[in-house]
Amino acid sequence: MTMAASGSHEIAGPGRCAQCGSNFTITPMNWERISGNWTQWKGRVRERWGKLSDDQLDVAAGRRDQLAGHIQEIYGLSKDETERQLRNWERNHAVEYNDGDPVVDDEPDSTEINGRG
């Protein structure tokens, strides 16, 4: 399910999305697991933040703080915006929906891409 620019899905209660009513279970994002399987996770990171170079992804090596720093630098984002994007990405990869595809993060508007937002 892809959401328009209306906003991200919000949790209405245990295991239910307020916008679409989908049932889900939340599993915590485990950055130790990500760093241990970084080769597989790099592709998922690259899907979301395609401007990151292979060298930057190798340096990050599954460390959230390093990844956040590279995202902030390359995209010219504020620390708060970088954290928001990372939280959305984490949520999208940590939620297993019972009926359909995971929530897709809102498409960034041109100000977010250019870092002027």
PDB file of N, CA and C in Angstrom:
ATOM      1  N   MET A   1       0.846  -1.155   0.000  1.00  0.00           N
ATOM      2  CA  MET A   1       0.000   0.000   0.000  1.00  0.00           C
ATOM      3  C   MET A   1       0.893   1.219   0.000  1.00  0.00           C
ATOM      4  N   THR A   2       0.636   2.144  -0.881  1.00  0.00           N
ATOM      5  CA  THR A   2       1.418   3.363  -0.975  1.00  0.00           C
ATOM      6  C   THR A   2       0.544   4.530  -0.567  1.00  0.00           C
ATOM      7  N   MET A   3       1.069   5.348   0.304  1.00  0.00           N
ATOM      8  CA  MET A   3       0.317   6.501   0.773  1.00  0.00           C
ATOM      9  C   MET A   3       0.708   7.723  -0.039  1.00  0.00           C
ATOM     10  N   ALA A   4      -0.261   8.576  -0.312  1.00  0.00           N
ATOM     11  CA  ALA A   4       0.022   9.852  -0.964  1.00  0.00           C
ATOM     12  C   ALA A   4       0.633  10.784   0.060  1.00  0.00           C
ATOM     13  N   ALA A   5       0.812  12.003  -0.320  1.00  0.00           N
ATOM     14  CA  ALA A   5       1.467  12.963   0.558  1.00  0.00           C
ATOM     15  C   ALA A   5       0.615  13.355   1.763  1.00  0.00           C
ATOM     16  N   SER A   6      -0.449  12.623   2.021  1.00  0.00           N
ATOM     17  CA  SER A   6      -1.320  12.961   3.138  1.00  0.00           C
ATOM     18  C   SER A   6      -0.682  12.712   4.488  1.00  0.00           C
ATOM     19  N   GLY A   7       0.334  11.870   4.547  1.00  0.00           N
ATOM     20  CA  GLY A   7       1.017  11.641   5.814  1.00  0.00           C
ATOM     21  C   GLY A   7       1.304  10.180   6.039  1.00  0.00           C
ATOM     22  N   SER A   8       2.169   9.923   6.983  1.00  0.00           N
ATOM     23  CA  SER A   8       2.522   8.555   7.320  1.00  0.00           C
ATOM     24  C   SER A   8       1.419   7.933   8.143  1.00  0.00           C
ATOM     25  N   HIS A   9       1.421   6.635   8.189  1.00  0.00           N
ATOM     26  CA  HIS A   9       0.445   5.923   8.999  1.00  0.00           C
ATOM     27  C   HIS A   9       0.747   6.133  10.474  1.00  0.00           C
ATOM     28  N   GLU A  10      -0.272   6.243  11.258  1.00  0.00           N
ATOM     29  CA  GLU A  10      -0.141   6.413  12.697  1.00  0.00           C
ATOM     30  C   GLU A  10      -0.744   5.198  13.386  1.00  0.00           C
ATOM     31  N   ILE A  11      -0.223   4.859  14.519  1.00  0.00           N
ATOM     32  CA  ILE A  11      -0.732   3.721  15.277  1.00  0.00           C
ATOM     33  C   ILE A  11      -1.944   4.172  16.073  1.00  0.00           C
ATOM     34  N   ALA A  12      -3.070   3.469  15.879  1.00  0.00           N
ATOM     35  CA  ALA A  12      -4.306   3.827  16.568  1.00  0.00           C
ATOM     36  C   ALA A  12      -4.466   3.047  17.855  1.00  0.00           C
ATOM     37  N   GLY A  13      -3.754   2.016  18.029  1.00  0.00           N
ATOM     38  CA  GLY A  13      -3.844   1.154  19.191  1.00  0.00           C
ATOM     39  C   GLY A  13      -2.948  -0.036  18.934  1.00  0.00           C
ATOM     40  N   PRO A  14      -2.986  -1.024  19.819  1.00  0.00           N
ATOM     41  CA  PRO A  14      -2.115  -2.177  19.631  1.00  0.00           C
ATOM     42  C   PRO A  14      -2.394  -2.887  18.316  1.00  0.00           C
ATOM     43  N   GLY A  15      -1.450  -2.816  17.401  1.00  0.00           N
ATOM     44  CA  GLY A  15      -1.529  -3.597  16.178  1.00  0.00           C
ATOM     45  C   GLY A  15      -2.528  -3.126  15.153  1.00  0.00           C
ATOM     46  N   ARG A  16      -2.880  -1.848  15.114  1.00  0.00           N
ATOM     47  CA  ARG A  16      -3.828  -1.357  14.121  1.00  0.00           C
ATOM     48  C   ARG A  16      -3.420   0.037  13.649  1.00  0.00           C
ATOM     49  N   CYS A  17      -3.407   0.220  12.314  1.00  0.00           N
ATOM     50  CA  CYS A  17      -3.078   1.505  11.717  1.00  0.00           C
ATOM     51  C   CYS A  17      -4.319   2.400  11.730  1.00  0.00           C
ATOM     52  N   ALA A  18      -4.155   3.657  12.162  1.00  0.00           N
ATOM     53  CA  ALA A  18      -5.273   4.589  12.250  1.00  0.00           C
ATOM     54  C   ALA A  18      -5.822   4.975  10.881  1.00  0.00           C
ATOM     55  N   GLN A  19      -4.981   5.012   9.848  1.00  0.00           N
ATOM     56  CA  GLN A  19      -5.433   5.456   8.534  1.00  0.00           C
ATOM     57  C   GLN A  19      -6.121   4.360   7.741  1.00  0.00           C
ATOM     58  N   CYS A  20      -5.545   3.179   7.706  1.00  0.00           N
ATOM     59  CA  CYS A  20      -6.104   2.143   6.836  1.00  0.00           C
ATOM     60  C   CYS A  20      -6.674   0.965   7.599  1.00  0.00           C
ATOM     61  N   GLY A  21      -6.455   0.901   8.899  1.00  0.00           N
ATOM     62  CA  GLY A  21      -7.006  -0.184   9.700  1.00  0.00           C
ATOM     63  C   GLY A  21      -6.250  -1.496   9.606  1.00  0.00           C
ATOM     64  N   SER A  22      -5.081  -1.508   8.955  1.00  0.00           N
ATOM     65  CA  SER A  22      -4.299  -2.738   8.817  1.00  0.00           C
ATOM     66  C   SER A  22      -3.826  -3.232  10.171  1.00  0.00           C
ATOM     67  N   ASN A  23      -3.850  -4.534  10.354  1.00  0.00           N
ATOM     68  CA  ASN A  23      -3.289  -5.147  11.550  1.00  0.00           C
ATOM     69  C   ASN A  23      -1.803  -5.382  11.314  1.00  0.00           C
ATOM     70  N   PHE A  24      -1.008  -5.227  12.370  1.00  0.00           N
ATOM     71  CA  PHE A  24       0.420  -5.464  12.232  1.00  0.00           C
ATOM     72  C   PHE A  24       1.016  -5.806  13.585  1.00  0.00           C
ATOM     73  N   THR A  25       2.237  -6.326  13.521  1.00  0.00           N
ATOM     74  CA  THR A  25       3.006  -6.545  14.731  1.00  0.00           C
ATOM     75  C   THR A  25       4.289  -5.739  14.598  1.00  0.00           C
ATOM     76  N   ILE A  26       4.720  -5.131  15.683  1.00  0.00           N
ATOM     77  CA  ILE A  26       5.936  -4.321  15.652  1.00  0.00           C
ATOM     78  C   ILE A  26       7.076  -5.138  16.231  1.00  0.00           C
ATOM     79  N   THR A  27       8.132  -5.229  15.467  1.00  0.00           N
ATOM     80  CA  THR A  27       9.349  -5.857  15.955  1.00  0.00           C
ATOM     81  C   THR A  27      10.413  -4.773  15.992  1.00  0.00           C
ATOM     82  N   PRO A  28      11.154  -4.640  17.075  1.00  0.00           N
ATOM     83  CA  PRO A  28      12.106  -3.534  17.174  1.00  0.00           C
ATOM     84  C   PRO A  28      13.219  -3.640  16.139  1.00  0.00           C
ATOM     85  N   MET A  29      13.622  -2.483  15.624  1.00  0.00           N
ATOM     86  CA  MET A  29      14.734  -2.424  14.683  1.00  0.00           C
ATOM     87  C   MET A  29      16.006  -2.698  15.471  1.00  0.00           C
ATOM     88  N   ASN A  30      16.722  -3.720  15.094  1.00  0.00           N
ATOM     89  CA  ASN A  30      17.900  -4.144  15.811  1.00  0.00           C
ATOM     90  C   ASN A  30      19.130  -3.814  14.977  1.00  0.00           C
ATOM     91  N   TRP A  31      19.819  -2.740  15.345  1.00  0.00           N
ATOM     92  CA  TRP A  31      20.966  -2.299  14.565  1.00  0.00           C
ATOM     93  C   TRP A  31      22.145  -3.251  14.687  1.00  0.00           C
ATOM     94  N   GLU A  32      22.204  -4.066  15.719  1.00  0.00           N
ATOM     95  CA  GLU A  32      23.251  -5.098  15.784  1.00  0.00           C
ATOM     96  C   GLU A  32      23.018  -6.134  14.691  1.00  0.00           C
ATOM     97  N   ARG A  33      21.756  -6.478  14.475  1.00  0.00           N
ATOM     98  CA  ARG A  33      21.414  -7.436  13.418  1.00  0.00           C
ATOM     99  C   ARG A  33      21.721  -6.819  12.056  1.00  0.00           C
ATOM    100  N   ILE A  34      21.414  -5.534  11.898  1.00  0.00           N
ATOM    101  CA  ILE A  34      21.687  -4.858  10.632  1.00  0.00           C
ATOM    102  C   ILE A  34      23.178  -4.829  10.346  1.00  0.00           C
ATOM    103  N   SER A  35      23.981  -4.468  11.346  1.00  0.00           N
ATOM    104  CA  SER A  35      25.428  -4.407  11.109  1.00  0.00           C
ATOM    105  C   SER A  35      25.996  -5.790  10.805  1.00  0.00           C
ATOM    106  N   GLY A  36      25.414  -6.825  11.409  1.00  0.00           N
ATOM    107  CA  GLY A  36      25.872  -8.186  11.129  1.00  0.00           C
ATOM    108  C   GLY A  36      25.518  -8.663   9.733  1.00  0.00           C
ATOM    109  N   ASN A  37      24.477  -8.084   9.143  1.00  0.00           N
ATOM    110  CA  ASN A  37      24.034  -8.444   7.790  1.00  0.00           C
ATOM    111  C   ASN A  37      24.080  -7.219   6.873  1.00  0.00           C
ATOM    112  N   TRP A  38      25.092  -6.391   7.039  1.00  0.00           N
ATOM    113  CA  TRP A  38      25.134  -5.116   6.351  1.00  0.00           C
ATOM    114  C   TRP A  38      25.099  -5.254   4.840  1.00  0.00           C
ATOM    115  N   THR A  39      25.682  -6.298   4.301  1.00  0.00           N
ATOM    116  CA  THR A  39      25.679  -6.483   2.848  1.00  0.00           C
ATOM    117  C   THR A  39      24.251  -6.510   2.317  1.00  0.00           C
ATOM    118  N   GLN A  40      23.361  -7.234   3.008  1.00  0.00           N
ATOM    119  CA  GLN A  40      21.974  -7.282   2.572  1.00  0.00           C
ATOM    120  C   GLN A  40      21.249  -5.959   2.826  1.00  0.00           C
ATOM    121  N   TRP A  41      21.522  -5.319   3.958  1.00  0.00           N
ATOM    122  CA  TRP A  41      20.825  -4.095   4.320  1.00  0.00           C
ATOM    123  C   TRP A  41      21.268  -2.890   3.495  1.00  0.00           C
ATOM    124  N   LYS A  42      22.495  -2.919   2.969  1.00  0.00           N
ATOM    125  CA  LYS A  42      22.988  -1.807   2.159  1.00  0.00           C
ATOM    126  C   LYS A  42      22.055  -1.525   0.984  1.00  0.00           C
ATOM    127  N   GLY A  43      21.546  -2.570   0.374  1.00  0.00           N
ATOM    128  CA  GLY A  43      20.629  -2.397  -0.750  1.00  0.00           C
ATOM    129  C   GLY A  43      19.356  -1.678  -0.349  1.00  0.00           C
ATOM    130  N   ARG A  44      18.843  -2.009   0.818  1.00  0.00           N
ATOM    131  CA  ARG A  44      17.627  -1.346   1.305  1.00  0.00           C
ATOM    132  C   ARG A  44      17.897   0.124   1.622  1.00  0.00           C
ATOM    133  N   VAL A  45      19.067   0.392   2.185  1.00  0.00           N
ATOM    134  CA  VAL A  45      19.445   1.772   2.475  1.00  0.00           C
ATOM    135  C   VAL A  45      19.603   2.541   1.166  1.00  0.00           C
ATOM    136  N   ARG A  46      20.238   1.915   0.194  1.00  0.00           N
ATOM    137  CA  ARG A  46      20.471   2.568  -1.101  1.00  0.00           C
ATOM    138  C   ARG A  46      19.154   2.857  -1.818  1.00  0.00           C
ATOM    139  N   GLU A  47      18.135   1.998  -1.639  1.00  0.00           N
ATOM    140  CA  GLU A  47      16.828   2.256  -2.242  1.00  0.00           C
ATOM    141  C   GLU A  47      16.249   3.565  -1.732  1.00  0.00           C
ATOM    142  N   ARG A  48      16.473   3.859  -0.477  1.00  0.00           N
ATOM    143  CA  ARG A  48      15.898   5.058   0.143  1.00  0.00           C
ATOM    144  C   ARG A  48      16.785   6.287  -0.043  1.00  0.00           C
ATOM    145  N   TRP A  49      18.093   6.105   0.099  1.00  0.00           N
ATOM    146  CA  TRP A  49      19.043   7.222   0.004  1.00  0.00           C
ATOM    147  C   TRP A  49      20.079   6.895  -1.059  1.00  0.00           C
ATOM    148  N   GLY A  50      19.673   6.998  -2.314  1.00  0.00           N
ATOM    149  CA  GLY A  50      20.493   6.581  -3.451  1.00  0.00           C
ATOM    150  C   GLY A  50      21.739   7.407  -3.704  1.00  0.00           C
ATOM    151  N   LYS A  51      21.834   8.593  -3.112  1.00  0.00           N
ATOM    152  CA  LYS A  51      23.022   9.432  -3.320  1.00  0.00           C
ATOM    153  C   LYS A  51      24.213   8.956  -2.494  1.00  0.00           C
ATOM    154  N   LEU A  52      23.991   8.078  -1.532  1.00  0.00           N
ATOM    155  CA  LEU A  52      25.109   7.607  -0.705  1.00  0.00           C
ATOM    156  C   LEU A  52      26.027   6.715  -1.540  1.00  0.00           C
ATOM    157  N   SER A  53      27.312   6.955  -1.436  1.00  0.00           N
ATOM    158  CA  SER A  53      28.294   6.171  -2.194  1.00  0.00           C
ATOM    159  C   SER A  53      28.561   4.834  -1.510  1.00  0.00           C
ATOM    160  N   ASP A  54      29.159   3.931  -2.259  1.00  0.00           N
ATOM    161  CA  ASP A  54      29.559   2.641  -1.684  1.00  0.00           C
ATOM    162  C   ASP A  54      30.527   2.851  -0.526  1.00  0.00           C
ATOM    163  N   ASP A  55      31.448   3.807  -0.676  1.00  0.00           N
ATOM    164  CA  ASP A  55      32.407   4.088   0.395  1.00  0.00           C
ATOM    165  C   ASP A  55      31.695   4.560   1.660  1.00  0.00           C
ATOM    166  N   GLN A  56      30.719   5.445   1.505  1.00  0.00           N
ATOM    167  CA  GLN A  56      29.982   5.930   2.671  1.00  0.00           C
ATOM    168  C   GLN A  56      29.205   4.806   3.340  1.00  0.00           C
ATOM    169  N   LEU A  57      28.605   3.938   2.536  1.00  0.00           N
ATOM    170  CA  LEU A  57      27.865   2.806   3.102  1.00  0.00           C
ATOM    171  C   LEU A  57      28.812   1.832   3.789  1.00  0.00           C
ATOM    172  N   ASP A  58      30.001   1.647   3.214  1.00  0.00           N
ATOM    173  CA  ASP A  58      30.981   0.761   3.851  1.00  0.00           C
ATOM    174  C   ASP A  58      31.477   1.333   5.173  1.00  0.00           C
ATOM    175  N   VAL A  59      31.669   2.645   5.220  1.00  0.00           N
ATOM    176  CA  VAL A  59      32.106   3.285   6.462  1.00  0.00           C
ATOM    177  C   VAL A  59      31.014   3.165   7.524  1.00  0.00           C
ATOM    178  N   ALA A  60      29.765   3.367   7.126  1.00  0.00           N
ATOM    179  CA  ALA A  60      28.647   3.268   8.078  1.00  0.00           C
ATOM    180  C   ALA A  60      28.555   1.853   8.649  1.00  0.00           C
ATOM    181  N   ALA A  61      28.716   0.857   7.808  1.00  0.00           N
ATOM    182  CA  ALA A  61      28.759  -0.551   8.222  1.00  0.00           C
ATOM    183  C   ALA A  61      27.689  -0.927   9.245  1.00  0.00           C
ATOM    184  N   GLY A  62      26.468  -0.393   9.040  1.00  0.00           N
ATOM    185  CA  GLY A  62      25.379  -0.769   9.926  1.00  0.00           C
ATOM    186  C   GLY A  62      25.301   0.011  11.220  1.00  0.00           C
ATOM    187  N   ARG A  63      26.134   1.016  11.368  1.00  0.00           N
ATOM    188  CA  ARG A  63      26.078   1.865  12.566  1.00  0.00           C
ATOM    189  C   ARG A  63      25.151   3.035  12.276  1.00  0.00           C
ATOM    190  N   ARG A  64      24.088   3.121  13.045  1.00  0.00           N
ATOM    191  CA  ARG A  64      23.045   4.110  12.798  1.00  0.00           C
ATOM    192  C   ARG A  64      23.586   5.535  12.819  1.00  0.00           C
ATOM    193  N   ASP A  65      24.419   5.858  13.793  1.00  0.00           N
ATOM    194  CA  ASP A  65      24.930   7.223  13.903  1.00  0.00           C
ATOM    195  C   ASP A  65      25.772   7.609  12.690  1.00  0.00           C
ATOM    196  N   GLN A  66      26.583   6.670  12.200  1.00  0.00           N
ATOM    197  CA  GLN A  66      27.390   6.928  11.001  1.00  0.00           C
ATOM    198  C   GLN A  66      26.497   7.127   9.779  1.00  0.00           C
ATOM    199  N   LEU A  67      25.499   6.269   9.647  1.00  0.00           N
ATOM    200  CA  LEU A  67      24.573   6.380   8.523  1.00  0.00           C
ATOM    201  C   LEU A  67      23.844   7.717   8.567  1.00  0.00           C
ATOM    202  N   ALA A  68      23.369   8.106   9.740  1.00  0.00           N
ATOM    203  CA  ALA A  68      22.668   9.383   9.891  1.00  0.00           C
ATOM    204  C   ALA A  68      23.571  10.542   9.478  1.00  0.00           C
ATOM    205  N   GLY A  69      24.821  10.504   9.894  1.00  0.00           N
ATOM    206  CA  GLY A  69      25.765  11.565   9.537  1.00  0.00           C
ATOM    207  C   GLY A  69      25.960  11.692   8.036  1.00  0.00           C
ATOM    208  N   HIS A  70      26.081  10.558   7.356  1.00  0.00           N
ATOM    209  CA  HIS A  70      26.259  10.579   5.902  1.00  0.00           C
ATOM    210  C   HIS A  70      25.001  11.082   5.203  1.00  0.00           C
ATOM    211  N   ILE A  71      23.838  10.657   5.670  1.00  0.00           N
ATOM    212  CA  ILE A  71      22.579  11.120   5.076  1.00  0.00           C
ATOM    213  C   ILE A  71      22.461  12.631   5.244  1.00  0.00           C
ATOM    214  N   GLN A  72      22.739  13.104   6.449  1.00  0.00           N
ATOM    215  CA  GLN A  72      22.636  14.534   6.740  1.00  0.00           C
ATOM    216  C   GLN A  72      23.579  15.333   5.846  1.00  0.00           C
ATOM    217  N   GLU A  73      24.796  14.843   5.694  1.00  0.00           N
ATOM    218  CA  GLU A  73      25.805  15.548   4.893  1.00  0.00           C
ATOM    219  C   GLU A  73      25.451  15.561   3.413  1.00  0.00           C
ATOM    220  N   ILE A  74      25.158  14.408   2.850  1.00  0.00           N
ATOM    221  CA  ILE A  74      24.923  14.303   1.408  1.00  0.00           C
ATOM    222  C   ILE A  74      23.646  15.012   0.977  1.00  0.00           C
ATOM    223  N   TYR A  75      22.593  14.891   1.777  1.00  0.00           N
ATOM    224  CA  TYR A  75      21.314  15.490   1.408  1.00  0.00           C
ATOM    225  C   TYR A  75      21.130  16.902   1.968  1.00  0.00           C
ATOM    226  N   GLY A  76      22.072  17.376   2.781  1.00  0.00           N
ATOM    227  CA  GLY A  76      21.980  18.717   3.325  1.00  0.00           C
ATOM    228  C   GLY A  76      20.777  18.909   4.229  1.00  0.00           C
ATOM    229  N   LEU A  77      20.445  17.875   4.991  1.00  0.00           N
ATOM    230  CA  LEU A  77      19.270  17.912   5.860  1.00  0.00           C
ATOM    231  C   LEU A  77      19.639  18.342   7.266  1.00  0.00           C
ATOM    232  N   SER A  78      18.646  18.824   7.981  1.00  0.00           N
ATOM    233  CA  SER A  78      18.851  19.116   9.398  1.00  0.00           C
ATOM    234  C   SER A  78      18.933  17.794  10.148  1.00  0.00           C
ATOM    235  N   LYS A  79      19.449  17.862  11.361  1.00  0.00           N
ATOM    236  CA  LYS A  79      19.525  16.659  12.187  1.00  0.00           C
ATOM    237  C   LYS A  79      18.126  16.108  12.452  1.00  0.00           C
ATOM    238  N   ASP A  80      17.165  16.993  12.728  1.00  0.00           N
ATOM    239  CA  ASP A  80      15.790  16.557  12.996  1.00  0.00           C
ATOM    240  C   ASP A  80      15.169  15.866  11.788  1.00  0.00           C
ATOM    241  N   GLU A  81      15.370  16.428  10.591  1.00  0.00           N
ATOM    242  CA  GLU A  81      14.812  15.822   9.381  1.00  0.00           C
ATOM    243  C   GLU A  81      15.478  14.482   9.100  1.00  0.00           C
ATOM    244  N   THR A  82      16.775  14.408   9.313  1.00  0.00           N
ATOM    245  CA  THR A  82      17.477  13.139   9.119  1.00  0.00           C
ATOM    246  C   THR A  82      16.921  12.077  10.059  1.00  0.00           C
ATOM    247  N   GLU A  83      16.717  12.432  11.315  1.00  0.00           N
ATOM    248  CA  GLU A  83      16.154  11.495  12.288  1.00  0.00           C
ATOM    249  C   GLU A  83      14.743  11.073  11.906  1.00  0.00           C
ATOM    250  N   ARG A  84      13.935  12.006  11.399  1.00  0.00           N
ATOM    251  CA  ARG A  84      12.578  11.682  10.978  1.00  0.00           C
ATOM    252  C   ARG A  84      12.601  10.656   9.843  1.00  0.00           C
ATOM    253  N   GLN A  85      13.477  10.899   8.866  1.00  0.00           N
ATOM    254  CA  GLN A  85      13.570   9.968   7.747  1.00  0.00           C
ATOM    255  C   GLN A  85      14.059   8.597   8.199  1.00  0.00           C
ATOM    256  N   LEU A  86      15.054   8.576   9.077  1.00  0.00           N
ATOM    257  CA  LEU A  86      15.551   7.293   9.584  1.00  0.00           C
ATOM    258  C   LEU A  86      14.483   6.550  10.380  1.00  0.00           C
ATOM    259  N   ARG A  87      13.730   7.267  11.225  1.00  0.00           N
ATOM    260  CA  ARG A  87      12.642   6.622  11.985  1.00  0.00           C
ATOM    261  C   ARG A  87      11.597   6.041  11.055  1.00  0.00           C
ATOM    262  N   ASN A  88      11.228   6.775  10.000  1.00  0.00           N
ATOM    263  CA  ASN A  88      10.261   6.250   9.034  1.00  0.00           C
ATOM    264  C   ASN A  88      10.807   5.007   8.347  1.00  0.00           C
ATOM    265  N   TRP A  89      12.070   5.052   7.959  1.00  0.00           N
ATOM    266  CA  TRP A  89      12.691   3.909   7.300  1.00  0.00           C
ATOM    267  C   TRP A  89      12.722   2.703   8.237  1.00  0.00           C
ATOM    268  N   GLU A  90      13.109   2.949   9.485  1.00  0.00           N
ATOM    269  CA  GLU A  90      13.134   1.871  10.481  1.00  0.00           C
ATOM    270  C   GLU A  90      11.740   1.280  10.660  1.00  0.00           C
ATOM    271  N   ARG A  91      10.755   2.153  10.793  1.00  0.00           N
ATOM    272  CA  ARG A  91       9.385   1.680  10.979  1.00  0.00           C
ATOM    273  C   ARG A  91       8.927   0.856   9.779  1.00  0.00           C
ATOM    274  N   ASN A  92       9.248   1.310   8.592  1.00  0.00           N
ATOM    275  CA  ASN A  92       8.837   0.590   7.389  1.00  0.00           C
ATOM    276  C   ASN A  92       9.488  -0.777   7.267  1.00  0.00           C
ATOM    277  N   HIS A  93      10.666  -0.950   7.841  1.00  0.00           N
ATOM    278  CA  HIS A  93      11.351  -2.230   7.760  1.00  0.00           C
ATOM    279  C   HIS A  93      11.147  -3.093   8.999  1.00  0.00           C
ATOM    280  N   ALA A  94      10.529  -2.538  10.047  1.00  0.00           N
ATOM    281  CA  ALA A  94      10.330  -3.299  11.276  1.00  0.00           C
ATOM    282  C   ALA A  94       8.896  -3.751  11.458  1.00  0.00           C
ATOM    283  N   VAL A  95       7.975  -3.277  10.629  1.00  0.00           N
ATOM    284  CA  VAL A  95       6.565  -3.637  10.770  1.00  0.00           C
ATOM    285  C   VAL A  95       6.228  -4.713   9.757  1.00  0.00           C
ATOM    286  N   GLU A  96       5.649  -5.782  10.243  1.00  0.00           N
ATOM    287  CA  GLU A  96       5.185  -6.856   9.379  1.00  0.00           C
ATOM    288  C   GLU A  96       3.671  -6.765   9.307  1.00  0.00           C
ATOM    289  N   TYR A  97       3.152  -6.431   8.121  1.00  0.00           N
ATOM    290  CA  TYR A  97       1.719  -6.293   7.957  1.00  0.00           C
ATOM    291  C   TYR A  97       1.100  -7.641   7.645  1.00  0.00           C
ATOM    292  N   ASN A  98      -0.060  -7.886   8.223  1.00  0.00           N
ATOM    293  CA  ASN A  98      -0.775  -9.133   7.984  1.00  0.00           C
ATOM    294  C   ASN A  98      -1.501  -9.113   6.658  1.00  0.00           C
ATOM    295  N   ASP A  99      -1.827  -7.921   6.168  1.00  0.00           N
ATOM    296  CA  ASP A  99      -2.612  -7.853   4.936  1.00  0.00           C
ATOM    297  C   ASP A  99      -2.071  -6.791   3.992  1.00  0.00           C
ATOM    298  N   GLY A 100      -1.038  -7.105   3.286  1.00  0.00           N
ATOM    299  CA  GLY A 100      -0.534  -6.187   2.279  1.00  0.00           C
ATOM    300  C   GLY A 100       0.912  -5.809   2.479  1.00  0.00           C
ATOM    301  N   ASP A 101       1.322  -4.867   1.676  1.00  0.00           N
ATOM    302  CA  ASP A 101       2.703  -4.407   1.676  1.00  0.00           C
ATOM    303  C   ASP A 101       2.969  -3.469   2.837  1.00  0.00           C
ATOM    304  N   PRO A 102       4.239  -3.306   3.223  1.00  0.00           N
ATOM    305  CA  PRO A 102       4.567  -2.355   4.285  1.00  0.00           C
ATOM    306  C   PRO A 102       4.258  -0.930   3.840  1.00  0.00           C
ATOM    307  N   VAL A 103       4.096  -0.061   4.798  1.00  0.00           N
ATOM    308  CA  VAL A 103       3.839   1.348   4.521  1.00  0.00           C
ATOM    309  C   VAL A 103       5.060   1.935   3.830  1.00  0.00           C
ATOM    310  N   VAL A 104       4.837   2.687   2.788  1.00  0.00           N
ATOM    311  CA  VAL A 104       5.923   3.351   2.088  1.00  0.00           C
ATOM    312  C   VAL A 104       6.001   4.775   2.605  1.00  0.00           C
ATOM    313  N   ASP A 105       7.195   5.203   2.981  1.00  0.00           N
ATOM    314  CA  ASP A 105       7.401   6.556   3.492  1.00  0.00           C
ATOM    315  C   ASP A 105       6.906   7.557   2.473  1.00  0.00           C
ATOM    316  N   ASP A 106       6.359   8.658   2.954  1.00  0.00           N
ATOM    317  CA  ASP A 106       5.923   9.720   2.056  1.00  0.00           C
ATOM    318  C   ASP A 106       7.085  10.125   1.175  1.00  0.00           C
ATOM    319  N   GLU A 107       6.789  10.412  -0.077  1.00  0.00           N
ATOM    320  CA  GLU A 107       7.826  10.894  -0.975  1.00  0.00           C
ATOM    321  C   GLU A 107       8.294  12.248  -0.467  1.00  0.00           C
ATOM    322  N   PRO A 108       9.594  12.465  -0.355  1.00  0.00           N
ATOM    323  CA  PRO A 108      10.062  13.770   0.097  1.00  0.00           C
ATOM    324  C   PRO A 108       9.718  14.826  -0.940  1.00  0.00           C
ATOM    325  N   ASP A 109       9.345  16.009  -0.481  1.00  0.00           N
ATOM    326  CA  ASP A 109       9.104  17.070  -1.445  1.00  0.00           C
ATOM    327  C   ASP A 109      10.438  17.662  -1.876  1.00  0.00           C
ATOM    328  N   SER A 110      10.412  18.521  -2.843  1.00  0.00           N
ATOM    329  CA  SER A 110      11.674  19.034  -3.410  1.00  0.00           C
ATOM    330  C   SER A 110      12.508  19.780  -2.375  1.00  0.00           C
ATOM    331  N   THR A 111      11.879  20.369  -1.348  1.00  0.00           N
ATOM    332  CA  THR A 111      12.668  21.077  -0.343  1.00  0.00           C
ATOM    333  C   THR A 111      13.466  20.109   0.501  1.00  0.00           C
ATOM    334  N   GLU A 112      12.902  18.920   0.775  1.00  0.00           N
ATOM    335  CA  GLU A 112      13.647  17.926   1.547  1.00  0.00           C
ATOM    336  C   GLU A 112      14.808  17.393   0.731  1.00  0.00           C
ATOM    337  N   ILE A 113      14.586  17.157  -0.546  1.00  0.00           N
ATOM    338  CA  ILE A 113      15.651  16.612  -1.392  1.00  0.00           C
ATOM    339  C   ILE A 113      16.785  17.616  -1.507  1.00  0.00           C
ATOM    340  N   ASN A 114      16.434  18.884  -1.666  1.00  0.00           N
ATOM    341  CA  ASN A 114      17.456  19.911  -1.835  1.00  0.00           C
ATOM    342  C   ASN A 114      18.017  20.398  -0.510  1.00  0.00           C
ATOM    343  N   GLY A 115      17.429  19.961   0.610  1.00  0.00           N
ATOM    344  CA  GLY A 115      17.928  20.357   1.903  1.00  0.00           C
ATOM    345  C   GLY A 115      17.521  21.747   2.323  1.00  0.00           C
ATOM    346  N   ARG A 116      16.518  22.287   1.683  1.00  0.00           N
ATOM    347  CA  ARG A 116      16.082  23.638   2.028  1.00  0.00           C
ATOM    348  C   ARG A 116      14.780  23.632   2.799  1.00  0.00           C
ATOM    349  N   GLY A 117      14.380  22.494   3.331  1.00  0.00           N
ATOM    350  CA  GLY A 117      13.078  22.418   3.954  1.00  0.00           C
ATOM    351  C   GLY A 117      13.050  22.543   5.401  1.00  0.00           C
TER     352      GLY A 117
END
